Protein backbone atom coordinates (compact mmCIF):
# COMPACT_ATOMS: atom_id res chain seq x y z
CA MET A 1 -13.87 64.33 46.03
CA LYS A 2 -14.07 67.76 47.65
CA ARG A 3 -12.15 68.01 50.92
CA LEU A 4 -12.81 70.69 53.52
CA PHE A 5 -10.04 72.17 55.60
CA ASN A 6 -10.89 73.03 59.21
CA GLY A 7 -7.61 74.46 60.52
CA TYR A 8 -7.22 78.17 61.21
CA ASN A 9 -3.57 78.51 62.30
CA THR A 10 -1.76 77.55 59.13
CA LYS A 11 0.65 79.96 57.46
CA LEU A 12 0.06 78.53 53.98
CA PHE A 13 -2.87 76.60 52.54
CA TYR A 14 -2.25 74.13 49.70
CA CYS A 15 -4.51 71.66 47.93
CA LEU A 16 -4.88 69.68 44.71
CA PHE A 17 -7.69 70.21 42.19
CA TYR A 18 -10.10 73.02 41.46
CA ASP A 19 -13.00 71.41 43.35
CA ASN A 20 -11.00 71.16 46.58
CA LEU A 21 -9.98 74.79 46.40
CA LEU A 22 -13.55 75.87 45.68
CA ALA A 23 -14.80 73.91 48.72
CA ASN A 24 -12.40 75.89 50.93
CA LEU A 25 -12.79 79.28 49.25
CA SER A 26 -15.05 80.69 51.95
CA PHE A 27 -12.43 79.91 54.60
CA LEU A 28 -9.68 81.47 52.48
CA ARG A 29 -11.69 84.64 51.87
CA LYS A 30 -12.40 85.14 55.57
CA SER A 31 -9.06 84.08 57.01
CA LYS A 32 -6.88 85.77 54.37
CA THR A 33 -4.59 82.75 54.65
CA PRO A 34 -2.02 82.72 51.84
CA PHE A 35 -2.77 79.86 49.47
CA ILE A 36 -1.46 78.02 46.46
CA PHE A 37 -3.02 75.10 44.63
CA THR A 38 -2.37 72.59 41.88
CA LEU A 39 -4.75 72.82 38.93
CA TYR A 40 -4.69 69.29 37.55
CA PRO A 41 -7.01 68.14 34.74
CA GLY A 42 -10.24 66.80 36.22
CA GLY A 43 -11.45 67.66 39.69
CA GLY A 44 -14.08 69.99 38.25
CA PHE A 45 -11.68 71.99 36.07
CA LEU A 46 -12.97 72.50 32.52
CA PHE A 47 -11.83 74.67 29.64
CA ASN A 48 -14.23 77.38 28.43
CA ASN A 49 -16.80 76.80 31.15
CA PRO A 50 -18.43 80.08 32.26
CA ILE A 51 -18.86 79.03 35.90
CA VAL A 52 -15.35 77.64 36.24
CA ASP A 53 -13.89 80.71 34.53
CA LYS A 54 -15.84 83.05 36.81
CA ASN A 55 -14.57 81.27 39.91
CA LEU A 56 -10.99 81.22 38.67
CA HIS A 57 -11.17 84.96 37.92
CA GLU A 58 -12.11 85.51 41.57
CA ILE A 59 -9.50 83.09 42.90
CA PHE A 60 -6.67 84.69 40.94
CA SER A 61 -7.73 88.17 42.06
CA LEU A 62 -7.67 87.44 45.80
CA SER A 63 -4.89 89.23 47.68
CA ASN A 64 -3.87 86.01 49.46
CA PHE A 65 -3.52 84.03 46.21
CA LYS A 66 0.17 83.17 45.91
CA GLY A 67 0.31 80.96 42.87
CA VAL A 68 -1.00 78.02 40.90
CA ILE A 69 0.92 74.90 39.97
CA VAL A 70 0.02 73.33 36.63
CA ASN A 71 1.30 70.13 35.06
CA GLN A 72 0.15 70.74 31.49
CA TYR A 73 1.33 73.28 28.93
CA ALA A 74 -2.27 73.39 27.74
CA THR A 75 -3.39 74.50 31.21
CA ARG A 76 -0.69 77.14 31.48
CA ASN A 77 -1.52 78.51 28.04
CA TYR A 78 -5.23 78.57 28.88
CA ILE A 79 -4.65 80.53 32.09
CA GLU A 80 -2.31 83.00 30.43
CA SER A 81 -4.77 83.58 27.57
CA ASN A 82 -7.95 83.93 29.60
CA PHE A 83 -7.11 85.49 32.96
CA THR A 84 -5.37 88.52 34.35
CA ILE A 85 -2.53 86.89 36.23
CA LYS A 86 1.20 87.46 36.50
CA LYS A 87 3.16 84.85 34.60
CA GLU A 88 5.44 84.42 37.60
CA SER A 89 2.41 83.22 39.59
CA ILE A 90 2.03 80.19 37.32
CA PHE A 91 4.40 77.34 38.16
CA LEU A 92 4.71 74.60 35.54
CA ILE A 93 5.82 71.21 36.86
CA PRO A 94 5.07 68.64 34.13
CA GLY A 95 3.91 65.25 35.38
CA VAL A 96 2.63 64.18 38.79
CA PRO A 97 4.33 62.86 41.93
CA PHE A 98 4.80 59.11 41.72
CA ASN A 99 5.81 57.04 44.73
CA ASP A 100 7.96 54.35 43.18
CA THR A 101 9.36 53.17 46.53
CA VAL A 102 6.55 50.60 46.81
CA TYR A 103 7.71 49.02 43.52
CA LEU A 104 11.50 49.22 43.76
CA ASP A 105 12.03 45.46 44.02
CA LYS A 106 8.96 44.39 42.05
CA VAL A 107 9.86 45.18 38.43
CA ASN A 108 10.60 42.19 36.19
CA PHE A 109 13.67 43.34 34.25
CA LEU A 110 13.85 39.90 32.64
CA LYS A 111 10.49 40.32 30.92
CA GLU A 112 10.45 38.53 27.58
CA PHE A 113 9.02 40.31 24.54
CA SER A 114 8.70 37.15 22.45
CA GLY A 115 5.70 34.83 22.08
CA LYS A 116 2.15 35.93 22.82
CA LEU A 117 1.87 39.70 23.06
CA LYS A 118 -0.15 40.90 26.04
CA ILE A 119 -1.72 44.29 25.36
CA LEU A 120 -3.01 46.39 28.25
CA PHE A 121 -5.88 48.82 28.61
CA MET A 122 -6.06 50.52 32.00
CA ALA A 123 -8.56 53.23 32.88
CA GLN A 124 -11.65 54.13 34.84
CA LYS A 125 -14.96 53.89 33.00
CA ASN A 126 -16.59 57.29 33.46
CA MET A 127 -19.23 57.05 30.75
CA ALA A 128 -21.00 54.49 28.55
CA GLY A 129 -18.51 52.63 26.42
CA GLY A 130 -15.57 54.37 28.10
CA LYS A 131 -15.36 56.64 25.08
CA ASP A 132 -13.48 59.43 26.86
CA LYS A 133 -10.67 56.97 27.63
CA GLY A 134 -10.89 55.46 24.13
CA PHE A 135 -12.08 52.00 25.17
CA ASP A 136 -14.22 51.76 22.02
CA PHE A 137 -11.15 52.61 19.90
CA PHE A 138 -9.07 50.06 21.81
CA ILE A 139 -11.65 47.36 21.11
CA SER A 140 -11.69 48.28 17.41
CA ILE A 141 -7.91 47.91 17.30
CA SER A 142 -8.07 44.60 19.14
CA LYS A 143 -10.58 43.16 16.65
CA ILE A 144 -8.33 44.05 13.72
CA LEU A 145 -5.31 42.41 15.37
CA ILE A 146 -7.34 39.27 16.11
CA ARG A 147 -8.71 39.15 12.56
CA LYS A 148 -5.22 39.46 11.13
CA GLY A 149 -4.15 36.44 13.16
CA TYR A 150 -1.62 37.99 15.52
CA ASP A 151 -0.79 36.04 18.67
CA VAL A 152 -2.21 38.56 21.12
CA CYS A 153 -4.45 38.85 24.16
CA PHE A 154 -5.88 41.87 25.93
CA GLU A 155 -5.59 42.59 29.66
CA ILE A 156 -8.05 45.18 30.98
CA ILE A 157 -7.74 46.89 34.37
CA GLY A 158 -10.58 49.09 35.57
CA ASN A 159 -14.34 48.89 36.03
CA PHE A 160 -14.95 47.30 32.63
CA ASP A 161 -16.28 43.77 32.12
CA GLU A 162 -17.60 41.40 29.46
CA SER A 163 -20.79 43.44 29.11
CA ASP A 164 -18.69 46.19 27.50
CA LEU A 165 -17.98 43.88 24.53
CA ASP A 166 -20.50 43.43 21.74
CA SER A 167 -21.89 40.05 20.74
CA GLN A 168 -19.55 39.80 17.74
CA THR A 169 -16.43 39.99 19.90
CA ASP A 170 -14.56 36.79 20.76
CA GLN A 171 -14.36 37.12 24.53
CA SER A 172 -11.66 34.47 24.84
CA TYR A 173 -9.03 37.06 23.90
CA TYR A 174 -9.96 39.43 26.75
CA PHE A 175 -9.14 39.22 30.47
CA PHE A 176 -10.92 41.63 32.80
CA HIS A 177 -9.10 42.19 36.09
CA GLY A 178 -11.51 44.79 37.49
CA ARG A 179 -10.24 47.53 39.76
CA LEU A 180 -6.89 46.69 41.37
CA ASN A 181 -5.07 48.11 44.36
CA GLU A 182 -1.55 49.40 43.76
CA ASP A 183 -0.02 46.31 45.37
CA GLN A 184 -1.82 44.18 42.77
CA PHE A 185 -0.40 46.02 39.74
CA PRO A 186 2.97 44.22 39.50
CA ALA A 187 1.41 40.78 38.95
CA VAL A 188 -0.33 42.05 35.80
CA LEU A 189 2.00 44.77 34.53
CA ASN A 190 5.09 42.57 34.74
CA GLU A 191 3.39 40.25 32.24
CA THR A 192 2.07 42.82 29.72
CA HIS A 193 4.12 44.36 26.91
CA MET A 194 2.32 47.50 25.79
CA ILE A 195 -0.52 49.76 26.86
CA ILE A 196 -2.91 51.37 24.39
CA SER A 197 -4.44 54.59 25.71
CA PRO A 198 -6.39 56.39 22.98
CA ASN A 199 -8.16 58.89 25.26
CA LYS A 200 -9.82 62.01 23.81
CA PRO A 201 -10.42 65.46 25.31
CA PHE A 202 -13.86 67.12 25.44
CA VAL A 203 -15.76 63.81 25.22
CA LEU A 204 -16.77 63.17 28.83
CA LYS A 205 -18.21 66.70 28.93
CA PRO A 206 -17.46 69.98 27.16
CA GLY A 207 -14.10 71.32 28.25
CA SER A 208 -12.91 68.14 29.97
CA PHE A 209 -9.44 66.76 29.29
CA ASP A 210 -6.86 64.37 30.73
CA GLY A 211 -3.24 64.61 31.66
CA PHE A 212 -0.53 63.34 29.35
CA PRO A 213 0.44 60.64 29.84
CA LEU A 214 -2.38 59.30 31.98
CA GLY A 215 -1.35 58.12 35.44
CA THR A 216 -2.17 54.57 34.35
CA CYS A 217 0.34 54.91 31.53
CA VAL A 218 2.98 56.22 33.92
CA ILE A 219 2.76 53.12 36.07
CA ALA A 220 2.57 50.84 33.01
CA GLY A 221 5.72 52.49 31.68
CA TYR A 222 7.46 51.98 35.00
CA PHE A 223 6.84 48.25 34.57
CA ILE A 224 8.46 48.26 31.10
CA ASN A 225 5.44 48.50 28.82
CA GLY A 226 5.52 50.31 25.51
CA LEU A 227 3.25 53.37 25.61
CA PHE A 228 0.87 53.79 22.64
CA LEU A 229 -0.90 57.07 23.29
CA THR A 230 -2.97 59.78 21.70
CA ASP A 231 -1.89 63.35 22.38
CA PHE A 232 -4.57 65.64 20.99
CA LEU A 233 -3.39 68.63 23.06
CA GLU A 234 0.20 68.17 21.78
CA GLU A 235 1.81 67.98 25.22
CA SER A 236 4.55 65.64 24.03
CA HIS A 237 6.13 68.35 21.90
CA SER A 238 7.14 70.30 25.01
CA THR A 239 7.80 67.54 27.55
CA GLY A 240 10.39 65.32 25.95
CA TRP A 241 8.08 62.48 25.00
CA ILE A 242 9.42 61.56 21.57
CA ASP A 243 7.36 59.52 19.11
CA GLY A 244 9.30 56.39 18.20
CA TYR A 245 11.79 56.78 21.05
CA ASN A 246 9.99 56.60 24.39
CA PHE A 247 6.38 56.27 23.19
CA CYS A 248 4.35 55.69 20.04
CA LYS A 249 1.94 58.46 19.13
CA LEU A 250 -1.50 57.44 17.86
CA ASP A 251 -3.44 60.00 15.84
CA GLY A 252 -6.98 58.75 16.42
CA ASP A 253 -7.27 57.24 12.93
CA LEU A 254 -7.99 53.52 13.23
CA ASP A 255 -6.01 52.33 10.21
CA ASN A 256 -3.00 54.53 10.97
CA SER A 257 -3.00 53.45 14.61
CA CYS A 258 -3.22 49.76 13.75
CA ASN A 259 -0.40 50.05 11.23
CA LYS A 260 1.88 51.69 13.81
CA ILE A 261 1.06 49.07 16.43
CA ILE A 262 1.65 46.24 13.94
CA LEU A 263 5.12 47.61 13.15
CA TYR A 264 6.04 47.08 16.80
CA ILE A 265 4.33 43.70 17.02
CA ASN A 266 6.53 42.61 14.13
CA ASN A 267 9.66 44.12 15.68
CA ARG A 268 9.78 43.06 19.31
CA GLU A 269 13.26 44.47 19.92
CA LYS A 270 12.00 47.88 18.88
CA LEU A 271 9.00 47.48 21.18
CA LYS A 272 11.25 46.48 24.08
CA LYS A 273 13.50 49.47 23.43
CA ILE A 274 10.71 52.08 23.58
CA ALA A 275 9.36 50.32 26.68
CA LEU A 276 12.74 50.61 28.41
CA ASN A 277 13.07 54.23 27.29
CA ALA A 278 9.60 54.94 28.66
CA ARG A 279 10.64 53.54 32.02
CA GLU A 280 13.69 55.82 32.16
CA LYS A 281 11.54 58.81 31.25
CA VAL A 282 9.00 57.97 33.97
CA LYS A 283 11.71 57.40 36.59
CA ASN A 284 13.21 60.82 35.83
CA ASP A 285 10.16 63.02 35.25
CA TYR A 286 8.04 61.60 38.08
CA SER A 287 10.82 61.34 40.64
CA PHE A 288 10.93 62.92 44.08
CA ARG A 289 13.69 65.18 42.77
CA ASN A 290 11.62 66.57 39.90
CA GLN A 291 8.18 66.58 41.52
CA ILE A 292 8.40 67.06 45.28
CA ILE A 293 11.57 69.13 45.69
CA PRO A 294 10.31 71.95 43.41
CA ARG A 295 7.09 72.10 45.44
CA ILE A 296 8.98 72.24 48.74
CA GLU A 297 11.22 75.02 47.43
CA LEU A 298 8.19 76.93 46.18
CA PHE A 299 6.45 76.67 49.55
CA LYS A 300 9.61 77.86 51.31
CA THR A 301 9.84 80.88 49.01
CA ILE A 302 6.22 81.83 49.64
CA LEU A 303 6.53 81.39 53.42
CA LEU A 304 9.66 83.53 53.53
CA SER A 305 8.32 86.29 51.28
């Protein structure tokens, strides 16, 4: 959603997402107000899009442009390769702010990883079949696990429902929770054991991509779920997400992905360990200390310069 800013007395303008900055660009041109923004995936930002590139060229050339925060190495590399901009104007802060204070006393640390395995899919459906988020791939995995006789069920959060399953799918294995508010997450995520998130870049539209991990995976990890994720832009290599330690990397091949998942189904202690390691990684990387404090210090530096 584009948000317009109507104030004229601020010493520094800051916003999230390309679309929000674009909506306020006229004000920034006229007022000469110093500005900085966060260029997250989504929000109108696309790789190799002529219109987006043209606008970013203008934005980065404005005299009152003071910097851009990015949370992806892929975004930083794209900016450095395609625009005339000082490297010291690009501020990389991997991850996103995550307010865990609402969940501090709501995590089930006694979660059992024995018995029926509850596998989570959690995403917004943006297109038919949810292909950009890998819902079709998730369903293909689920059918194989059911056919092989594993004691599993599938919990789905988001705007998916039974109509997203084909007629050959046994619906009794699937539980659709719909969209949930953040205060409703603990009841489901404290009961699930792993999340499968096989999202793909450049599927929703040319140049589109997601963050890594998705925000849904961050919160699932906080509630001690093993993270089974694709990483087509290879963000994990630079951010300390280690395949087999704090997440399991899926390569987009159905057989390979199923085999990796089955290894963890058959070794619940190993699954529990990567789930606990994922939680520690989320708590550290998405903390106030590592997300908000660097932004505050950056704003102070700009205001004092």
